[in-house]
């Protein structure tokens, strides 16, 4: 499952990069990096809003404003790339324990 999530996040990172490379020149910029929050909102705004509300309700408003929101403002390529790397590392660690 972790390896699947790693491949999924890798595909999302590549898709975000392709979108940024494609739309940047159309808007007069060589490369226009889309934030993870913008990418998520374009895909499904309701789940992004619900995620924010859950973080604020279950953990704290400060966690949302100081940890999660700045992470979501990173470029989507970096956000999904970091998640892919994390899942690949977790899959590698999990694979060693199973043997």
N, C-alpha and C. Protein backbone atom coordinates (compact mmCIF):
# COMPACT_ATOMS: atom_id res chain seq x y z
N UNK A 1 0.82 -1.19 0.00
CA UNK A 1 0.00 0.00 0.00
C UNK A 1 0.87 1.25 0.00
N UNK A 2 1.96 1.21 0.79
CA UNK A 2 2.84 2.39 0.84
C UNK A 2 3.50 2.64 -0.51
N UNK A 3 3.87 1.56 -1.18
CA UNK A 3 4.50 1.72 -2.49
C UNK A 3 3.49 2.29 -3.49
N UNK A 4 2.24 1.86 -3.42
CA UNK A 4 1.20 2.40 -4.28
C UNK A 4 1.03 3.89 -4.02
N UNK A 5 0.98 4.30 -2.75
CA UNK A 5 0.85 5.72 -2.41
C UNK A 5 2.07 6.51 -2.89
N UNK A 6 3.23 5.89 -2.84
CA UNK A 6 4.44 6.56 -3.34
C UNK A 6 4.34 6.80 -4.84
N UNK A 7 3.90 5.79 -5.57
CA UNK A 7 3.74 5.95 -7.02
C UNK A 7 2.63 6.96 -7.35
N UNK A 8 1.57 6.95 -6.59
CA UNK A 8 0.48 7.90 -6.79
C UNK A 8 0.97 9.33 -6.57
N UNK A 9 1.69 9.55 -5.48
CA UNK A 9 2.22 10.90 -5.21
C UNK A 9 3.25 11.31 -6.26
N UNK A 10 4.03 10.36 -6.74
CA UNK A 10 4.99 10.66 -7.82
C UNK A 10 4.26 11.08 -9.08
N UNK A 11 3.19 10.38 -9.40
CA UNK A 11 2.40 10.74 -10.59
C UNK A 11 1.76 12.12 -10.41
N UNK A 12 1.28 12.42 -9.21
CA UNK A 12 0.70 13.74 -8.95
C UNK A 12 1.76 14.83 -9.06
N UNK A 13 2.97 14.56 -8.58
CA UNK A 13 4.06 15.53 -8.68
C UNK A 13 4.41 15.79 -10.14
N UNK A 14 4.50 14.72 -10.93
CA UNK A 14 4.79 14.90 -12.35
C UNK A 14 3.65 15.61 -13.07
N UNK A 15 2.42 15.29 -12.70
CA UNK A 15 1.27 15.98 -13.29
C UNK A 15 1.26 17.45 -12.94
N UNK A 16 1.59 17.78 -11.69
CA UNK A 16 1.64 19.18 -11.28
C UNK A 16 2.75 19.92 -12.02
N UNK A 17 3.90 19.26 -12.18
CA UNK A 17 5.00 19.89 -12.91
C UNK A 17 4.61 20.12 -14.37
N UNK A 18 3.99 19.13 -14.99
CA UNK A 18 3.55 19.28 -16.38
C UNK A 18 2.54 20.41 -16.52
N UNK A 19 1.62 20.49 -15.58
CA UNK A 19 0.62 21.57 -15.61
C UNK A 19 1.29 22.94 -15.46
N UNK A 20 2.25 23.03 -14.54
CA UNK A 20 2.94 24.30 -14.33
C UNK A 20 3.76 24.71 -15.55
N UNK A 21 4.44 23.74 -16.16
CA UNK A 21 5.23 24.04 -17.36
C UNK A 21 4.32 24.43 -18.52
N UNK A 22 3.15 23.79 -18.59
CA UNK A 22 2.22 24.07 -19.68
C UNK A 22 1.53 25.41 -19.52
N UNK A 23 1.05 25.73 -18.31
CA UNK A 23 0.27 26.95 -18.12
C UNK A 23 1.14 28.20 -17.90
N UNK A 24 2.37 28.03 -17.48
CA UNK A 24 3.24 29.18 -17.26
C UNK A 24 3.40 30.05 -18.49
N UNK A 25 3.85 29.51 -19.62
CA UNK A 25 4.01 30.32 -20.82
C UNK A 25 2.70 30.92 -21.34
N UNK A 26 1.58 30.26 -21.06
CA UNK A 26 0.29 30.80 -21.50
C UNK A 26 -0.06 32.07 -20.74
N UNK A 27 0.46 32.20 -19.52
CA UNK A 27 0.17 33.38 -18.71
C UNK A 27 1.33 34.37 -18.72
N UNK A 28 2.29 34.17 -19.59
CA UNK A 28 3.39 35.11 -19.75
C UNK A 28 4.55 34.90 -18.81
N UNK A 29 4.58 33.80 -18.07
CA UNK A 29 5.69 33.50 -17.16
C UNK A 29 6.38 32.22 -17.65
N UNK A 30 7.69 32.13 -17.50
CA UNK A 30 8.37 30.92 -17.96
C UNK A 30 7.93 29.67 -17.19
N UNK A 31 7.73 29.81 -15.89
CA UNK A 31 7.29 28.69 -15.06
C UNK A 31 6.46 29.25 -13.92
N UNK A 32 5.23 28.84 -13.83
CA UNK A 32 4.32 29.32 -12.80
C UNK A 32 3.98 28.15 -11.88
N UNK A 33 4.58 28.13 -10.68
CA UNK A 33 4.39 27.00 -9.78
C UNK A 33 3.08 27.15 -9.00
N UNK A 34 2.26 26.13 -9.08
CA UNK A 34 0.97 26.10 -8.39
C UNK A 34 1.18 25.52 -7.00
N UNK A 35 0.57 26.14 -5.99
CA UNK A 35 0.71 25.62 -4.63
C UNK A 35 -0.12 24.34 -4.49
N UNK A 36 0.23 23.57 -3.48
CA UNK A 36 -0.50 22.34 -3.21
C UNK A 36 -1.96 22.64 -2.89
N UNK A 37 -2.20 23.73 -2.16
CA UNK A 37 -3.57 24.11 -1.81
C UNK A 37 -4.38 24.45 -3.07
N UNK A 38 -3.78 25.18 -4.01
CA UNK A 38 -4.48 25.50 -5.26
C UNK A 38 -4.78 24.24 -6.05
N UNK A 39 -3.81 23.34 -6.11
CA UNK A 39 -3.96 22.09 -6.84
C UNK A 39 -5.09 21.26 -6.23
N UNK A 40 -5.11 21.18 -4.89
CA UNK A 40 -6.13 20.42 -4.18
C UNK A 40 -7.50 21.08 -4.35
N UNK A 41 -7.55 22.41 -4.25
CA UNK A 41 -8.83 23.12 -4.40
C UNK A 41 -9.39 22.95 -5.81
N UNK A 42 -8.53 22.91 -6.80
CA UNK A 42 -9.00 22.70 -8.17
C UNK A 42 -9.56 21.29 -8.34
N UNK A 43 -8.99 20.33 -7.63
CA UNK A 43 -9.46 18.95 -7.73
C UNK A 43 -10.75 18.73 -6.94
N UNK A 44 -10.78 19.23 -5.69
CA UNK A 44 -11.96 19.03 -4.85
C UNK A 44 -11.92 20.00 -3.67
N UNK A 45 -12.51 21.17 -3.85
CA UNK A 45 -12.46 22.24 -2.85
C UNK A 45 -13.09 21.82 -1.52
N UNK A 46 -14.17 21.07 -1.57
CA UNK A 46 -14.88 20.67 -0.36
C UNK A 46 -14.02 19.86 0.59
N UNK A 47 -13.21 18.95 0.06
CA UNK A 47 -12.37 18.13 0.94
C UNK A 47 -11.25 18.96 1.57
N UNK A 48 -10.76 19.97 0.86
CA UNK A 48 -9.74 20.86 1.42
C UNK A 48 -10.32 21.65 2.59
N UNK A 49 -11.52 22.18 2.42
CA UNK A 49 -12.18 22.94 3.48
C UNK A 49 -12.48 22.02 4.68
N UNK A 50 -12.97 20.82 4.40
CA UNK A 50 -13.26 19.87 5.47
C UNK A 50 -11.99 19.45 6.21
N UNK A 51 -10.91 19.27 5.49
CA UNK A 51 -9.63 18.92 6.10
C UNK A 51 -9.17 20.02 7.05
N UNK A 52 -9.27 21.27 6.61
CA UNK A 52 -8.89 22.40 7.46
C UNK A 52 -9.75 22.48 8.71
N UNK A 53 -11.05 22.27 8.54
CA UNK A 53 -11.95 22.31 9.69
C UNK A 53 -11.65 21.18 10.69
N UNK A 54 -11.34 20.00 10.17
CA UNK A 54 -11.02 18.87 11.04
C UNK A 54 -9.72 19.11 11.81
N UNK A 55 -8.71 19.64 11.13
CA UNK A 55 -7.44 19.93 11.81
C UNK A 55 -7.68 20.95 12.92
N UNK A 56 -8.44 22.01 12.62
CA UNK A 56 -8.72 23.03 13.62
C UNK A 56 -9.53 22.46 14.78
N UNK A 57 -10.48 21.59 14.51
CA UNK A 57 -11.34 21.04 15.56
C UNK A 57 -10.63 19.95 16.38
N UNK A 58 -9.90 19.07 15.72
CA UNK A 58 -9.32 17.92 16.41
C UNK A 58 -7.96 18.23 17.05
N UNK A 59 -7.19 19.11 16.44
CA UNK A 59 -5.85 19.41 16.97
C UNK A 59 -5.85 20.81 17.56
N UNK A 60 -5.72 21.81 16.70
CA UNK A 60 -5.81 23.21 17.14
C UNK A 60 -5.75 24.13 15.94
N UNK A 61 -6.22 25.34 16.15
CA UNK A 61 -6.15 26.35 15.09
C UNK A 61 -4.71 26.70 14.80
N UNK A 62 -3.88 26.73 15.84
CA UNK A 62 -2.46 27.06 15.65
C UNK A 62 -1.77 26.02 14.77
N UNK A 63 -2.12 24.74 14.93
CA UNK A 63 -1.52 23.70 14.10
C UNK A 63 -1.87 23.92 12.63
N UNK A 64 -3.11 24.32 12.36
CA UNK A 64 -3.52 24.59 10.99
C UNK A 64 -2.76 25.79 10.43
N UNK A 65 -2.71 26.88 11.20
CA UNK A 65 -2.13 28.13 10.70
C UNK A 65 -0.61 28.10 10.64
N UNK A 66 0.05 27.37 11.53
CA UNK A 66 1.50 27.43 11.60
C UNK A 66 2.22 26.22 11.02
N UNK A 67 1.51 25.11 10.82
CA UNK A 67 2.16 23.91 10.30
C UNK A 67 1.56 23.47 8.97
N UNK A 68 0.27 23.20 8.98
CA UNK A 68 -0.38 22.60 7.81
C UNK A 68 -0.51 23.60 6.66
N UNK A 69 -1.01 24.80 6.96
CA UNK A 69 -1.22 25.79 5.90
C UNK A 69 0.08 26.18 5.20
N UNK A 70 1.18 26.45 5.92
CA UNK A 70 2.43 26.73 5.21
C UNK A 70 2.90 25.56 4.34
N UNK A 71 2.66 24.33 4.80
CA UNK A 71 3.02 23.17 3.98
C UNK A 71 2.17 23.12 2.71
N UNK A 72 0.89 23.49 2.82
CA UNK A 72 0.01 23.50 1.65
C UNK A 72 0.34 24.63 0.69
N UNK A 73 1.03 25.65 1.16
CA UNK A 73 1.40 26.77 0.28
C UNK A 73 2.68 26.51 -0.50
N UNK A 74 3.34 25.39 -0.21
CA UNK A 74 4.51 24.99 -1.00
C UNK A 74 4.06 24.62 -2.41
N UNK A 75 4.95 24.71 -3.39
CA UNK A 75 4.57 24.26 -4.73
C UNK A 75 4.11 22.80 -4.72
N UNK A 76 3.13 22.49 -5.53
CA UNK A 76 2.57 21.14 -5.57
C UNK A 76 3.63 20.11 -5.93
N UNK A 77 4.57 20.49 -6.77
CA UNK A 77 5.64 19.56 -7.15
C UNK A 77 6.44 19.16 -5.91
N UNK A 78 6.76 20.13 -5.07
CA UNK A 78 7.54 19.84 -3.86
C UNK A 78 6.69 19.07 -2.84
N UNK A 79 5.44 19.46 -2.68
CA UNK A 79 4.58 18.78 -1.71
C UNK A 79 4.36 17.33 -2.06
N UNK A 80 3.96 17.05 -3.28
CA UNK A 80 3.72 15.67 -3.69
C UNK A 80 5.02 14.89 -3.80
N UNK A 81 6.09 15.56 -4.20
CA UNK A 81 7.40 14.91 -4.26
C UNK A 81 7.87 14.48 -2.89
N UNK A 82 7.68 15.34 -1.89
CA UNK A 82 8.07 15.00 -0.52
C UNK A 82 7.24 13.84 0.01
N UNK A 83 5.94 13.85 -0.28
CA UNK A 83 5.09 12.72 0.13
C UNK A 83 5.52 11.43 -0.55
N UNK A 84 5.86 11.51 -1.84
CA UNK A 84 6.31 10.32 -2.56
C UNK A 84 7.59 9.77 -1.92
N UNK A 85 8.52 10.66 -1.62
CA UNK A 85 9.77 10.23 -0.98
C UNK A 85 9.49 9.58 0.37
N UNK A 86 8.61 10.18 1.16
CA UNK A 86 8.26 9.63 2.46
C UNK A 86 7.66 8.23 2.31
N UNK A 87 6.72 8.06 1.38
CA UNK A 87 6.10 6.75 1.20
C UNK A 87 7.07 5.72 0.65
N UNK A 88 7.99 6.14 -0.24
CA UNK A 88 9.02 5.20 -0.72
C UNK A 88 9.91 4.74 0.43
N UNK A 89 10.30 5.69 1.30
CA UNK A 89 11.12 5.32 2.45
C UNK A 89 10.37 4.40 3.40
N UNK A 90 9.10 4.70 3.66
CA UNK A 90 8.30 3.84 4.53
C UNK A 90 8.11 2.46 3.93
N UNK A 91 7.95 2.37 2.62
CA UNK A 91 7.80 1.07 1.96
C UNK A 91 9.10 0.28 2.07
N UNK A 92 10.22 0.96 1.96
CA UNK A 92 11.51 0.29 2.05
C UNK A 92 11.75 -0.23 3.48
N UNK A 93 11.43 0.59 4.47
CA UNK A 93 11.59 0.18 5.86
C UNK A 93 10.63 -0.97 6.18
N UNK A 94 9.37 -0.85 5.75
CA UNK A 94 8.38 -1.90 5.98
C UNK A 94 8.75 -3.19 5.29
N UNK A 95 9.34 -3.10 4.10
CA UNK A 95 9.73 -4.29 3.37
C UNK A 95 10.84 -5.06 4.05
N UNK A 96 11.74 -4.35 4.71
CA UNK A 96 12.84 -5.01 5.41
C UNK A 96 12.35 -5.77 6.63
N UNK A 97 11.36 -5.21 7.33
CA UNK A 97 10.85 -5.86 8.54
C UNK A 97 10.06 -7.11 8.21
N UNK A 98 9.42 -7.14 7.06
CA UNK A 98 8.58 -8.28 6.69
C UNK A 98 9.40 -9.51 6.32
N UNK A 99 10.64 -9.32 5.95
CA UNK A 99 11.46 -10.45 5.49
C UNK A 99 12.02 -11.27 6.60
